[in-house]
Amino acid sequence: MSEEQQYQGDRWTTQTKNILHRLGWTQKGDANFDIPCVNKGPHKTRDKDRKNPHGIDTVFSFYDPYKLKDIGIIVESKHRQWDGITKSTIEEFVDQLRMAIECAETNETFRNIGCPPVKTGLLMIWCNEPHKFNDQKYREYLKQLTFKTKKRNPITLYVASNTEILKWCSLIEKVNGIKNNSGTIEFGYYYPSDTFSGGENSASKRGHVNIVHLFSEYIFAKSTQKIEFRNNTITQEINHIFFFSEPTLEELNFMYSCIKRRQLEYGDEIRIHLYNSDPKYRVFIEEFKRTVEEKFLKQELKVALNIEYMLRLSEVPEQYSK
């Protein structure tokens, strides 16, 4: 590996750490350390096939309100040109991450740094030629992936590309703007009660996004805002929806049905943050807004509905490199 490749790889690991930190995750231990292989047969480390131990880029944890426990997650950062991102290379990356997780289960280092049991991995693949990145082709590669894992000990792997990574950066920038507003008193990502838990977990508000929400089309949040009016101070409860799907009328209406089921239409304001600002959707957005506001009038709900846009980024912000 050349010095330039090493530099870019280390830089991307730093950017990855900063992105996940800004999303509220907690890093465990240091970056870039090795653990020995304890599955030498399945991992082909008995002979000359693999002399090196498993390299760990970073380890994070977060509390999952749905599973009611802390989750440990190994994050692998990959920085490649577009022609270096193929089905075979993605499979290779996935396989490396899978084997690292399988050997992390009994590793003493993970216990010593206070990491929860690791059953999850996140692969962050950044194409350093964003203008060449082909999301459709990349999705085709993902559909064709095949890899092995122990049936009795399943693990969950998530793969993020430029598309997801830039969405997360946009989310971070928008949330920073909300938090830095002088009137904002409190902000937290909202986790509705999970109907599949049998009522074991109630709705909660947290300072972080779990990994399932990061790969979702909608992310919910709540904030409290202070407003000064004629020497009086009033507070308003705002329900936020970060909307990453295409804002067709059908998709907007479906999102609103989710709002109703989770009783997010009750409060002082519903603020929808759209990721897609293509003008062709404007007619659907206006129709949706008008229809919902008419429903509020009929139901005598004094709720403001406002629609904003998130900043679309083409690169990871430079401040994430420090």
C-alpha atoms as a PDB file:
ATOM      1  CA  MET A   1       0.000   0.000   0.000  1.00  0.00           C
ATOM      2  CA  SER A   2       1.372   3.424  -0.959  1.00  0.00           C
ATOM      3  CA  GLU A   3       1.760   6.247   1.554  1.00  0.00           C
ATOM      4  CA  GLU A   4      -1.072   8.150  -0.152  1.00  0.00           C
ATOM      5  CA  GLN A   5      -3.421   5.160   0.085  1.00  0.00           C
ATOM      6  CA  GLN A   6      -2.500   4.721   3.748  1.00  0.00           C
ATOM      7  CA  TYR A   7      -3.141   8.410   4.403  1.00  0.00           C
ATOM      8  CA  GLN A   8      -6.534   8.341   2.673  1.00  0.00           C
ATOM      9  CA  GLY A   9      -7.498   5.140   4.491  1.00  0.00           C
ATOM     10  CA  ASP A  10      -6.593   6.611   7.886  1.00  0.00           C
ATOM     11  CA  ARG A  11      -8.414   9.822   7.005  1.00  0.00           C
ATOM     12  CA  TRP A  12     -11.563   7.894   6.111  1.00  0.00           C
ATOM     13  CA  THR A  13     -11.391   5.970   9.397  1.00  0.00           C
ATOM     14  CA  THR A  14     -11.257   9.328  11.205  1.00  0.00           C
ATOM     15  CA  GLN A  15     -14.218  10.624   9.196  1.00  0.00           C
ATOM     16  CA  THR A  16     -16.162   7.444   9.960  1.00  0.00           C
ATOM     17  CA  LYS A  17     -15.493   7.849  13.690  1.00  0.00           C
ATOM     18  CA  ASN A  18     -16.627  11.470  13.621  1.00  0.00           C
ATOM     19  CA  ILE A  19     -19.812  10.714  11.690  1.00  0.00           C
ATOM     20  CA  LEU A  20     -20.867   7.989  14.124  1.00  0.00           C
ATOM     21  CA  HIS A  21     -19.862  10.093  17.120  1.00  0.00           C
ATOM     22  CA  ARG A  22     -22.042  12.943  15.836  1.00  0.00           C
ATOM     23  CA  LEU A  23     -24.923  10.472  15.491  1.00  0.00           C
ATOM     24  CA  GLY A  24     -24.606   9.813  19.210  1.00  0.00           C
ATOM     25  CA  TRP A  25     -22.685   6.523  19.268  1.00  0.00           C
ATOM     26  CA  THR A  26     -19.959   5.840  21.838  1.00  0.00           C
ATOM     27  CA  GLN A  27     -16.542   4.658  20.708  1.00  0.00           C
ATOM     28  CA  LYS A  28     -14.991   1.853  22.742  1.00  0.00           C
ATOM     29  CA  GLY A  29     -11.207   1.695  22.976  1.00  0.00           C
ATOM     30  CA  ASP A  30      -8.806   2.951  20.326  1.00  0.00           C
ATOM     31  CA  ALA A  31      -8.953   2.654  16.542  1.00  0.00           C
ATOM     32  CA  ASN A  32      -6.893   0.285  14.403  1.00  0.00           C
ATOM     33  CA  PHE A  33      -6.013  -2.661  16.621  1.00  0.00           C
ATOM     34  CA  ASP A  34      -5.677  -6.392  15.995  1.00  0.00           C
ATOM     35  CA  ILE A  35      -7.272  -9.413  17.629  1.00  0.00           C
ATOM     36  CA  PRO A  36      -6.118 -13.025  17.188  1.00  0.00           C
ATOM     37  CA  CYS A  37      -8.098 -15.523  15.168  1.00  0.00           C
ATOM     38  CA  VAL A  38      -9.762 -18.225  17.278  1.00  0.00           C
ATOM     39  CA  ASN A  39     -11.552 -19.880  14.344  1.00  0.00           C
ATOM     40  CA  LYS A  40      -8.480 -20.888  12.386  1.00  0.00           C
ATOM     41  CA  GLY A  41     -10.106 -23.740  10.508  1.00  0.00           C
ATOM     42  CA  PRO A  42     -13.170 -21.932   9.103  1.00  0.00           C
ATOM     43  CA  HIS A  43     -11.168 -18.718   8.651  1.00  0.00           C
ATOM     44  CA  LYS A  44      -8.282 -20.507   6.906  1.00  0.00           C
ATOM     45  CA  THR A  45      -5.620 -19.239   9.272  1.00  0.00           C
ATOM     46  CA  ARG A  46      -3.925 -22.577   9.935  1.00  0.00           C
ATOM     47  CA  ASP A  47      -1.616 -22.339   6.936  1.00  0.00           C
ATOM     48  CA  LYS A  48      -0.146 -19.553   4.841  1.00  0.00           C
ATOM     49  CA  ASP A  49      -3.591 -18.400   3.633  1.00  0.00           C
ATOM     50  CA  ARG A  50      -3.891 -15.863   6.411  1.00  0.00           C
ATOM     51  CA  LYS A  51      -0.913 -14.960   8.577  1.00  0.00           C
ATOM     52  CA  ASN A  52      -2.306 -11.726   9.974  1.00  0.00           C
ATOM     53  CA  PRO A  53      -4.795 -11.450  12.847  1.00  0.00           C
ATOM     54  CA  HIS A  54      -8.137  -9.717  12.368  1.00  0.00           C
ATOM     55  CA  GLY A  55      -7.751  -5.959  12.014  1.00  0.00           C
ATOM     56  CA  ILE A  56     -10.377  -3.863  13.807  1.00  0.00           C
ATOM     57  CA  ASP A  57     -10.902  -0.330  12.521  1.00  0.00           C
ATOM     58  CA  THR A  58     -13.244   0.926  15.257  1.00  0.00           C
ATOM     59  CA  VAL A  59     -15.697  -0.392  17.830  1.00  0.00           C
ATOM     60  CA  PHE A  60     -18.830   1.478  18.938  1.00  0.00           C
ATOM     61  CA  SER A  61     -21.795   0.916  21.183  1.00  0.00           C
ATOM     62  CA  PHE A  62     -25.258   2.414  21.584  1.00  0.00           C
ATOM     63  CA  TYR A  63     -28.344   1.617  23.629  1.00  0.00           C
ATOM     64  CA  ASP A  64     -31.138   0.046  21.599  1.00  0.00           C
ATOM     65  CA  PRO A  65     -34.520   1.083  23.079  1.00  0.00           C
ATOM     66  CA  TYR A  66     -36.229  -1.780  21.223  1.00  0.00           C
ATOM     67  CA  LYS A  67     -33.918  -4.543  22.457  1.00  0.00           C
ATOM     68  CA  LEU A  68     -33.586  -2.836  25.852  1.00  0.00           C
ATOM     69  CA  LYS A  69     -29.828  -3.328  25.969  1.00  0.00           C
ATOM     70  CA  ASP A  70     -26.506  -1.914  24.794  1.00  0.00           C
ATOM     71  CA  ILE A  71     -25.332  -3.063  21.378  1.00  0.00           C
ATOM     72  CA  GLY A  72     -21.684  -3.565  20.455  1.00  0.00           C
ATOM     73  CA  ILE A  73     -20.772  -3.018  16.820  1.00  0.00           C
ATOM     74  CA  ILE A  74     -17.556  -3.389  14.823  1.00  0.00           C
ATOM     75  CA  VAL A  75     -17.198  -0.738  12.125  1.00  0.00           C
ATOM     76  CA  GLU A  76     -15.030  -1.408   9.084  1.00  0.00           C
ATOM     77  CA  SER A  77     -14.032   1.611   6.952  1.00  0.00           C
ATOM     78  CA  LYS A  78     -13.161   1.112   3.283  1.00  0.00           C
ATOM     79  CA  HIS A  79     -11.973   3.877   0.936  1.00  0.00           C
ATOM     80  CA  ARG A  80     -11.871   2.957  -2.762  1.00  0.00           C
ATOM     81  CA  GLN A  81     -12.069   4.321  -6.288  1.00  0.00           C
ATOM     82  CA  TRP A  82     -15.235   3.377  -8.160  1.00  0.00           C
ATOM     83  CA  ASP A  83     -13.586   0.612 -10.189  1.00  0.00           C
ATOM     84  CA  GLY A  84     -12.400  -0.884  -6.880  1.00  0.00           C
ATOM     85  CA  ILE A  85     -15.988  -1.365  -5.674  1.00  0.00           C
ATOM     86  CA  THR A  86     -17.303  -4.570  -7.227  1.00  0.00           C
ATOM     87  CA  LYS A  87     -19.371  -7.540  -6.145  1.00  0.00           C
ATOM     88  CA  SER A  88     -16.228  -9.529  -5.356  1.00  0.00           C
ATOM     89  CA  THR A  89     -14.558  -6.745  -3.350  1.00  0.00           C
ATOM     90  CA  ILE A  90     -17.739  -6.087  -1.348  1.00  0.00           C
ATOM     91  CA  GLU A  91     -17.985  -9.812  -0.612  1.00  0.00           C
ATOM     92  CA  GLU A  92     -14.358  -9.741   0.514  1.00  0.00           C
ATOM     93  CA  PHE A  93     -15.041  -6.755   2.805  1.00  0.00           C
ATOM     94  CA  VAL A  94     -18.140  -8.437   4.224  1.00  0.00           C
ATOM     95  CA  ASP A  95     -16.255 -11.670   4.818  1.00  0.00           C
ATOM     96  CA  GLN A  96     -13.460  -9.836   6.664  1.00  0.00           C
ATOM     97  CA  LEU A  97     -16.008  -8.132   8.908  1.00  0.00           C
ATOM     98  CA  ARG A  98     -17.904 -11.363   9.548  1.00  0.00           C
ATOM     99  CA  MET A  99     -14.748 -13.207  10.625  1.00  0.00           C
ATOM    100  CA  ALA A 100     -13.695 -10.328  12.897  1.00  0.00           C
ATOM    101  CA  ILE A 101     -17.070 -10.427  14.648  1.00  0.00           C
ATOM    102  CA  GLU A 102     -16.901 -14.209  15.067  1.00  0.00           C
ATOM    103  CA  CYS A 103     -13.510 -13.896  16.764  1.00  0.00           C
ATOM    104  CA  ALA A 104     -14.520 -10.872  18.846  1.00  0.00           C
ATOM    105  CA  GLU A 105     -17.053 -12.900  20.837  1.00  0.00           C
ATOM    106  CA  THR A 106     -14.423 -14.428  23.108  1.00  0.00           C
ATOM    107  CA  ASN A 107     -11.753 -11.752  22.810  1.00  0.00           C
ATOM    108  CA  GLU A 108     -10.419 -10.377  26.088  1.00  0.00           C
ATOM    109  CA  THR A 109      -9.706  -6.904  24.654  1.00  0.00           C
ATOM    110  CA  PHE A 110     -13.382  -6.344  23.920  1.00  0.00           C
ATOM    111  CA  ARG A 111     -14.306  -7.261  27.487  1.00  0.00           C
ATOM    112  CA  ASN A 112     -11.573  -5.043  28.933  1.00  0.00           C
ATOM    113  CA  ILE A 113     -12.784  -1.932  27.075  1.00  0.00           C
ATOM    114  CA  GLY A 114     -16.312  -2.486  28.357  1.00  0.00           C
ATOM    115  CA  CYS A 115     -17.795  -3.347  24.992  1.00  0.00           C
ATOM    116  CA  PRO A 116     -21.192  -5.067  24.984  1.00  0.00           C
ATOM    117  CA  PRO A 117     -21.373  -8.447  23.199  1.00  0.00           C
ATOM    118  CA  VAL A 118     -20.691  -7.910  19.500  1.00  0.00           C
ATOM    119  CA  LYS A 119     -23.178  -9.488  17.088  1.00  0.00           C
ATOM    120  CA  THR A 120     -23.400  -6.593  14.636  1.00  0.00           C
ATOM    121  CA  GLY A 121     -21.123  -5.074  12.021  1.00  0.00           C
ATOM    122  CA  LEU A 122     -21.228  -1.936   9.903  1.00  0.00           C
ATOM    123  CA  LEU A 123     -19.254  -1.706   6.672  1.00  0.00           C
ATOM    124  CA  MET A 124     -18.690   1.902   5.552  1.00  0.00           C
ATOM    125  CA  ILE A 125     -17.609   1.918   1.894  1.00  0.00           C
ATOM    126  CA  TRP A 126     -16.727   5.365   0.573  1.00  0.00           C
ATOM    127  CA  CYS A 127     -16.137   5.864  -3.150  1.00  0.00           C
ATOM    128  CA  ASN A 128     -13.549   8.638  -3.384  1.00  0.00           C
ATOM    129  CA  GLU A 129     -14.808   9.468  -6.882  1.00  0.00           C
ATOM    130  CA  PRO A 130     -18.340  10.640  -5.984  1.00  0.00           C
ATOM    131  CA  HIS A 131     -19.014  11.814  -9.532  1.00  0.00           C
ATOM    132  CA  LYS A 132     -18.458   8.255 -10.758  1.00  0.00           C
ATOM    133  CA  PHE A 133     -20.381   6.477  -8.009  1.00  0.00           C
ATOM    134  CA  ASN A 134     -23.277   4.496  -9.539  1.00  0.00           C
ATOM    135  CA  ASP A 135     -25.846   3.782  -6.843  1.00  0.00           C
ATOM    136  CA  GLN A 136     -27.960   1.543  -9.091  1.00  0.00           C
ATOM    137  CA  LYS A 137     -24.987  -0.643  -9.954  1.00  0.00           C
ATOM    138  CA  TYR A 138     -23.939  -0.730  -6.321  1.00  0.00           C
ATOM    139  CA  ARG A 139     -27.443  -1.962  -5.321  1.00  0.00           C
ATOM    140  CA  GLU A 140     -27.158  -4.720  -7.902  1.00  0.00           C
ATOM    141  CA  TYR A 141     -23.902  -5.848  -6.301  1.00  0.00           C
ATOM    142  CA  LEU A 142     -25.584  -5.984  -2.886  1.00  0.00           C
ATOM    143  CA  LYS A 143     -28.425  -8.149  -4.174  1.00  0.00           C
ATOM    144  CA  GLN A 144     -25.923 -10.660  -5.544  1.00  0.00           C
ATOM    145  CA  LEU A 145     -23.873 -11.001  -2.352  1.00  0.00           C
ATOM    146  CA  THR A 146     -23.428 -14.408  -0.761  1.00  0.00           C
ATOM    147  CA  PHE A 147     -21.567 -15.121   2.463  1.00  0.00           C
ATOM    148  CA  LYS A 148     -21.460 -17.699   5.214  1.00  0.00           C
ATOM    149  CA  THR A 149     -22.084 -17.482   8.935  1.00  0.00           C
ATOM    150  CA  LYS A 150     -22.660 -19.886  11.772  1.00  0.00           C
ATOM    151  CA  LYS A 151     -26.313 -20.954  11.822  1.00  0.00           C
ATOM    152  CA  ARG A 152     -26.323 -21.269  15.601  1.00  0.00           C
ATOM    153  CA  ASN A 153     -24.682 -17.925  16.126  1.00  0.00           C
ATOM    154  CA  PRO A 154     -26.098 -15.467  13.568  1.00  0.00           C
ATOM    155  CA  ILE A 155     -24.727 -11.971  13.157  1.00  0.00           C
ATOM    156  CA  THR A 156     -26.185  -8.891  11.480  1.00  0.00           C
ATOM    157  CA  LEU A 157     -24.197  -6.887   8.952  1.00  0.00           C
ATOM    158  CA  TYR A 158     -25.083  -3.487   7.521  1.00  0.00           C
ATOM    159  CA  VAL A 159     -23.398  -2.015   4.429  1.00  0.00           C
ATOM    160  CA  ALA A 160     -23.341   1.741   3.803  1.00  0.00           C
ATOM    161  CA  SER A 161     -22.176   3.490   0.656  1.00  0.00           C
ATOM    162  CA  ASN A 162     -21.890   7.121  -0.435  1.00  0.00           C
ATOM    163  CA  THR A 163     -25.685   7.302  -0.624  1.00  0.00           C
ATOM    164  CA  GLU A 164     -26.283   6.412   3.032  1.00  0.00           C
ATOM    165  CA  ILE A 165     -23.196   8.191   4.339  1.00  0.00           C
ATOM    166  CA  LEU A 166     -24.132  11.518   2.728  1.00  0.00           C
ATOM    167  CA  LYS A 167     -27.697  11.174   4.063  1.00  0.00           C
ATOM    168  CA  TRP A 168     -26.315  10.753   7.568  1.00  0.00           C
ATOM    169  CA  CYS A 169     -24.094  13.789   7.142  1.00  0.00           C
ATOM    170  CA  SER A 170     -27.120  15.820   6.012  1.00  0.00           C
ATOM    171  CA  LEU A 171     -29.058  14.593   9.045  1.00  0.00           C
ATOM    172  CA  ILE A 172     -26.201  15.638  11.336  1.00  0.00           C
ATOM    173  CA  GLU A 173     -26.007  19.109   9.790  1.00  0.00           C
ATOM    174  CA  LYS A 174     -29.780  19.641  10.053  1.00  0.00           C
ATOM    175  CA  VAL A 175     -29.902  18.429  13.661  1.00  0.00           C
ATOM    176  CA  ASN A 176     -26.954  20.696  14.525  1.00  0.00           C
ATOM    177  CA  GLY A 177     -28.915  23.615  13.112  1.00  0.00           C
ATOM    178  CA  ILE A 178     -31.920  22.717  15.283  1.00  0.00           C
ATOM    179  CA  LYS A 179     -29.807  22.291  18.419  1.00  0.00           C
ATOM    180  CA  ASN A 180     -27.878  25.523  17.825  1.00  0.00           C
ATOM    181  CA  ASN A 181     -31.058  27.541  17.467  1.00  0.00           C
ATOM    182  CA  SER A 182     -31.097  29.911  20.432  1.00  0.00           C
ATOM    183  CA  GLY A 183     -34.684  28.933  21.210  1.00  0.00           C
ATOM    184  CA  THR A 184     -34.130  25.186  21.335  1.00  0.00           C
ATOM    185  CA  ILE A 185     -34.228  23.884  24.895  1.00  0.00           C
ATOM    186  CA  GLU A 186     -34.171  20.145  24.229  1.00  0.00           C
ATOM    187  CA  PHE A 187     -33.787  17.745  21.292  1.00  0.00           C
ATOM    188  CA  GLY A 188     -33.872  13.959  21.054  1.00  0.00           C
ATOM    189  CA  TYR A 189     -34.495  11.223  18.523  1.00  0.00           C
ATOM    190  CA  TYR A 190     -37.859   9.602  19.165  1.00  0.00           C
ATOM    191  CA  TYR A 191     -38.398   5.864  19.523  1.00  0.00           C
ATOM    192  CA  PRO A 192     -42.109   4.968  19.461  1.00  0.00           C
ATOM    193  CA  SER A 193     -43.371   2.046  21.494  1.00  0.00           C
ATOM    194  CA  ASP A 194     -42.618  -1.193  19.635  1.00  0.00           C
ATOM    195  CA  THR A 195     -45.802  -3.222  19.124  1.00  0.00           C
ATOM    196  CA  PHE A 196     -43.743  -6.370  18.577  1.00  0.00           C
ATOM    197  CA  SER A 197     -42.304  -6.245  22.113  1.00  0.00           C
ATOM    198  CA  GLY A 198     -45.662  -6.930  23.744  1.00  0.00           C
ATOM    199  CA  GLY A 199     -45.559  -3.593  25.539  1.00  0.00           C
ATOM    200  CA  GLU A 200     -42.189  -4.232  27.174  1.00  0.00           C
ATOM    201  CA  ASN A 201     -40.649  -1.044  25.837  1.00  0.00           C
ATOM    202  CA  SER A 202     -42.395   2.303  26.034  1.00  0.00           C
ATOM    203  CA  ALA A 203     -41.843   5.327  23.831  1.00  0.00           C
ATOM    204  CA  SER A 204     -38.601   7.149  24.596  1.00  0.00           C
ATOM    205  CA  LYS A 205     -36.422  10.023  23.467  1.00  0.00           C
ATOM    206  CA  ARG A 206     -32.673   9.542  23.079  1.00  0.00           C
ATOM    207  CA  GLY A 207     -29.632  11.537  22.047  1.00  0.00           C
ATOM    208  CA  HIS A 208     -28.579   8.977  19.446  1.00  0.00           C
ATOM    209  CA  VAL A 209     -29.929   7.158  16.389  1.00  0.00           C
ATOM    210  CA  ASN A 210     -29.832   3.375  16.405  1.00  0.00           C
ATOM    211  CA  ILE A 211     -28.585   1.553  13.330  1.00  0.00           C
ATOM    212  CA  VAL A 212     -32.031   0.393  12.204  1.00  0.00           C
ATOM    213  CA  HIS A 213     -33.284   3.983  12.043  1.00  0.00           C
ATOM    214  CA  LEU A 214     -30.193   5.047  10.087  1.00  0.00           C
ATOM    215  CA  PHE A 215     -31.241   2.724   7.270  1.00  0.00           C
ATOM    216  CA  SER A 216     -34.912   3.773   7.445  1.00  0.00           C
ATOM    217  CA  GLU A 217     -36.807   6.140   5.180  1.00  0.00           C
ATOM    218  CA  TYR A 218     -38.090   8.174   8.142  1.00  0.00           C
ATOM    219  CA  ILE A 219     -36.403   9.189  11.382  1.00  0.00           C
ATOM    220  CA  PHE A 220     -38.544  10.750  14.123  1.00  0.00           C
ATOM    221  CA  ALA A 221     -37.406  13.298  16.701  1.00  0.00           C
ATOM    222  CA  LYS A 222     -38.855  15.720  19.225  1.00  0.00           C
ATOM    223  CA  SER A 223     -37.682  19.110  20.390  1.00  0.00           C
ATOM    224  CA  THR A 224     -38.824  21.805  22.768  1.00  0.00           C
ATOM    225  CA  GLN A 225     -38.484  25.408  21.670  1.00  0.00           C
ATOM    226  CA  LYS A 226     -38.643  28.554  23.769  1.00  0.00           C
ATOM    227  CA  ILE A 227     -40.315  31.625  22.284  1.00  0.00           C
ATOM    228  CA  GLU A 228     -40.209  35.126  23.756  1.00  0.00           C
ATOM    229  CA  PHE A 229     -43.452  37.048  23.209  1.00  0.00           C
ATOM    230  CA  ARG A 230     -44.281  40.407  24.817  1.00  0.00           C
ATOM    231  CA  ASN A 231     -42.068  39.818  27.849  1.00  0.00           C
ATOM    232  CA  ASN A 232     -43.524  36.336  28.240  1.00  0.00           C
ATOM    233  CA  THR A 233     -41.798  33.049  27.576  1.00  0.00           C
ATOM    234  CA  ILE A 234     -43.752  30.181  26.095  1.00  0.00           C
ATOM    235  CA  THR A 235     -42.572  26.735  25.053  1.00  0.00           C
ATOM    236  CA  GLN A 236     -43.618  24.755  22.019  1.00  0.00           C
ATOM    237  CA  GLU A 237     -43.378  21.015  21.424  1.00  0.00           C
ATOM    238  CA  ILE A 238     -42.173  20.193  17.908  1.00  0.00           C
ATOM    239  CA  ASN A 239     -42.361  16.769  16.282  1.00  0.00           C
ATOM    240  CA  HIS A 240     -39.691  16.301  13.603  1.00  0.00           C
ATOM    241  CA  ILE A 241     -39.751  13.838  10.719  1.00  0.00           C
ATOM    242  CA  PHE A 242     -36.559  13.460   8.706  1.00  0.00           C
ATOM    243  CA  PHE A 243     -37.885  12.171   5.394  1.00  0.00           C
ATOM    244  CA  PHE A 244     -35.455  10.379   3.059  1.00  0.00           C
ATOM    245  CA  SER A 245     -37.887   8.798   0.606  1.00  0.00           C
ATOM    246  CA  GLU A 246     -39.090  10.343  -2.650  1.00  0.00           C
ATOM    247  CA  PRO A 247     -41.824  12.834  -1.666  1.00  0.00           C
ATOM    248  CA  THR A 248     -44.561  11.491  -3.907  1.00  0.00           C
ATOM    249  CA  LEU A 249     -48.114  12.032  -2.694  1.00  0.00           C
ATOM    250  CA  GLU A 250     -48.454   8.308  -1.956  1.00  0.00           C
ATOM    251  CA  GLU A 251     -45.255   8.243   0.094  1.00  0.00           C
ATOM    252  CA  LEU A 252     -46.156  11.420   1.980  1.00  0.00           C
ATOM    253  CA  ASN A 253     -49.584  10.052   2.836  1.00  0.00           C
ATOM    254  CA  PHE A 254     -48.069   6.802   4.041  1.00  0.00           C
ATOM    255  CA  MET A 255     -45.650   8.746   6.229  1.00  0.00           C
ATOM    256  CA  TYR A 256     -48.588  10.678   7.676  1.00  0.00           C
ATOM    257  CA  SER A 257     -50.354   7.416   8.527  1.00  0.00           C
ATOM    258  CA  CYS A 258     -47.236   6.490  10.536  1.00  0.00           C
ATOM    259  CA  ILE A 259     -47.410   9.864  12.298  1.00  0.00           C
ATOM    260  CA  LYS A 260     -51.031   9.223  13.274  1.00  0.00           C
ATOM    261  CA  ARG A 261     -50.322   5.718  14.596  1.00  0.00           C
ATOM    262  CA  ARG A 262     -47.554   7.101  16.787  1.00  0.00           C
ATOM    263  CA  GLN A 263     -49.633  10.115  17.881  1.00  0.00           C
ATOM    264  CA  LEU A 264     -47.066  12.539  16.514  1.00  0.00           C
ATOM    265  CA  GLU A 265     -49.781  14.822  15.212  1.00  0.00           C
ATOM    266  CA  TYR A 266     -50.322  16.048  18.766  1.00  0.00           C
ATOM    267  CA  GLY A 267     -48.116  18.962  19.721  1.00  0.00           C
ATOM    268  CA  ASP A 268     -47.602  22.529  18.617  1.00  0.00           C
ATOM    269  CA  GLU A 269     -45.872  21.825  15.319  1.00  0.00           C
ATOM    270  CA  ILE A 270     -45.070  19.034  12.903  1.00  0.00           C
ATOM    271  CA  ARG A 271     -41.888  19.846  11.030  1.00  0.00           C
ATOM    272  CA  ILE A 272     -41.034  17.621   8.054  1.00  0.00           C
ATOM    273  CA  HIS A 273     -37.455  17.795   6.780  1.00  0.00           C
ATOM    274  CA  LEU A 274     -37.292  16.567   3.184  1.00  0.00           C
ATOM    275  CA  TYR A 275     -34.052  15.203   1.768  1.00  0.00           C
ATOM    276  CA  ASN A 276     -35.182  15.339  -1.868  1.00  0.00           C
ATOM    277  CA  SER A 277     -35.622  18.885  -3.190  1.00  0.00           C
ATOM    278  CA  ASP A 278     -36.390  18.026  -6.822  1.00  0.00           C
ATOM    279  CA  PRO A 279     -38.946  20.617  -8.104  1.00  0.00           C
ATOM    280  CA  LYS A 280     -40.982  17.873  -9.799  1.00  0.00           C
ATOM    281  CA  TYR A 281     -42.354  16.853  -6.387  1.00  0.00           C
ATOM    282  CA  ARG A 282     -43.555  20.332  -5.468  1.00  0.00           C
ATOM    283  CA  VAL A 283     -47.117  19.711  -6.634  1.00  0.00           C
ATOM    284  CA  PHE A 284     -47.378  16.596  -4.450  1.00  0.00           C
ATOM    285  CA  ILE A 285     -45.885  18.369  -1.441  1.00  0.00           C
ATOM    286  CA  GLU A 286     -48.323  21.274  -1.697  1.00  0.00           C
ATOM    287  CA  GLU A 287     -51.306  18.936  -2.124  1.00  0.00           C
ATOM    288  CA  PHE A 288     -50.226  16.915   0.891  1.00  0.00           C
ATOM    289  CA  LYS A 289     -49.746  20.010   3.045  1.00  0.00           C
ATOM    290  CA  ARG A 290     -53.114  21.496   2.048  1.00  0.00           C
ATOM    291  CA  THR A 291     -54.986  18.234   2.705  1.00  0.00           C
ATOM    292  CA  VAL A 292     -53.425  17.706   6.141  1.00  0.00           C
ATOM    293  CA  GLU A 293     -54.061  21.303   7.196  1.00  0.00           C
ATOM    294  CA  GLU A 294     -57.723  20.929   6.197  1.00  0.00           C
ATOM    295  CA  LYS A 295     -57.943  17.836   8.411  1.00  0.00           C
ATOM    296  CA  PHE A 296     -56.462  19.779  11.303  1.00  0.00           C
ATOM    297  CA  LEU A 297     -59.130  22.473  10.885  1.00  0.00           C
ATOM    298  CA  LYS A 298     -61.961  19.923  10.857  1.00  0.00           C
ATOM    299  CA  GLN A 299     -60.558  18.207  13.936  1.00  0.00           C
ATOM    300  CA  GLU A 300     -59.876  21.562  15.618  1.00  0.00           C
ATOM    301  CA  LEU A 301     -56.236  20.640  16.077  1.00  0.00           C
ATOM    302  CA  LYS A 302     -54.089  23.713  16.594  1.00  0.00           C
ATOM    303  CA  VAL A 303     -50.998  22.209  15.013  1.00  0.00           C
ATOM    304  CA  ALA A 304     -48.709  23.982  12.561  1.00  0.00           C
ATOM    305  CA  LEU A 305     -47.391  21.920   9.649  1.00  0.00           C
ATOM    306  CA  ASN A 306     -44.109  23.149   8.206  1.00  0.00           C
ATOM    307  CA  ILE A 307     -41.912  21.621   5.531  1.00  0.00           C
ATOM    308  CA  GLU A 308     -38.195  22.277   5.276  1.00  0.00           C
ATOM    309  CA  TYR A 309     -35.344  20.791   3.260  1.00  0.00           C
ATOM    310  CA  MET A 310     -32.094  19.171   4.313  1.00  0.00           C
ATOM    311  CA  LEU A 311     -28.845  20.157   2.682  1.00  0.00           C
ATOM    312  CA  ARG A 312     -27.750  17.738  -0.057  1.00  0.00           C
ATOM    313  CA  LEU A 313     -24.027  17.078   0.182  1.00  0.00           C
ATOM    314  CA  SER A 314     -21.644  15.710  -2.432  1.00  0.00           C
ATOM    315  CA  GLU A 315     -18.730  15.184  -0.040  1.00  0.00           C
ATOM    316  CA  VAL A 316     -18.288  14.434   3.640  1.00  0.00           C
ATOM    317  CA  PRO A 317     -17.829  17.821   5.398  1.00  0.00           C
ATOM    318  CA  GLU A 318     -14.188  18.692   5.909  1.00  0.00           C
ATOM    319  CA  GLN A 319     -14.599  19.255   9.656  1.00  0.00           C
ATOM    320  CA  TYR A 320     -15.311  15.520  10.046  1.00  0.00           C
ATOM    321  CA  SER A 321     -11.680  14.840   9.113  1.00  0.00           C
ATOM    322  CA  LYS A 322     -10.298  16.348  12.323  1.00  0.00           C
END
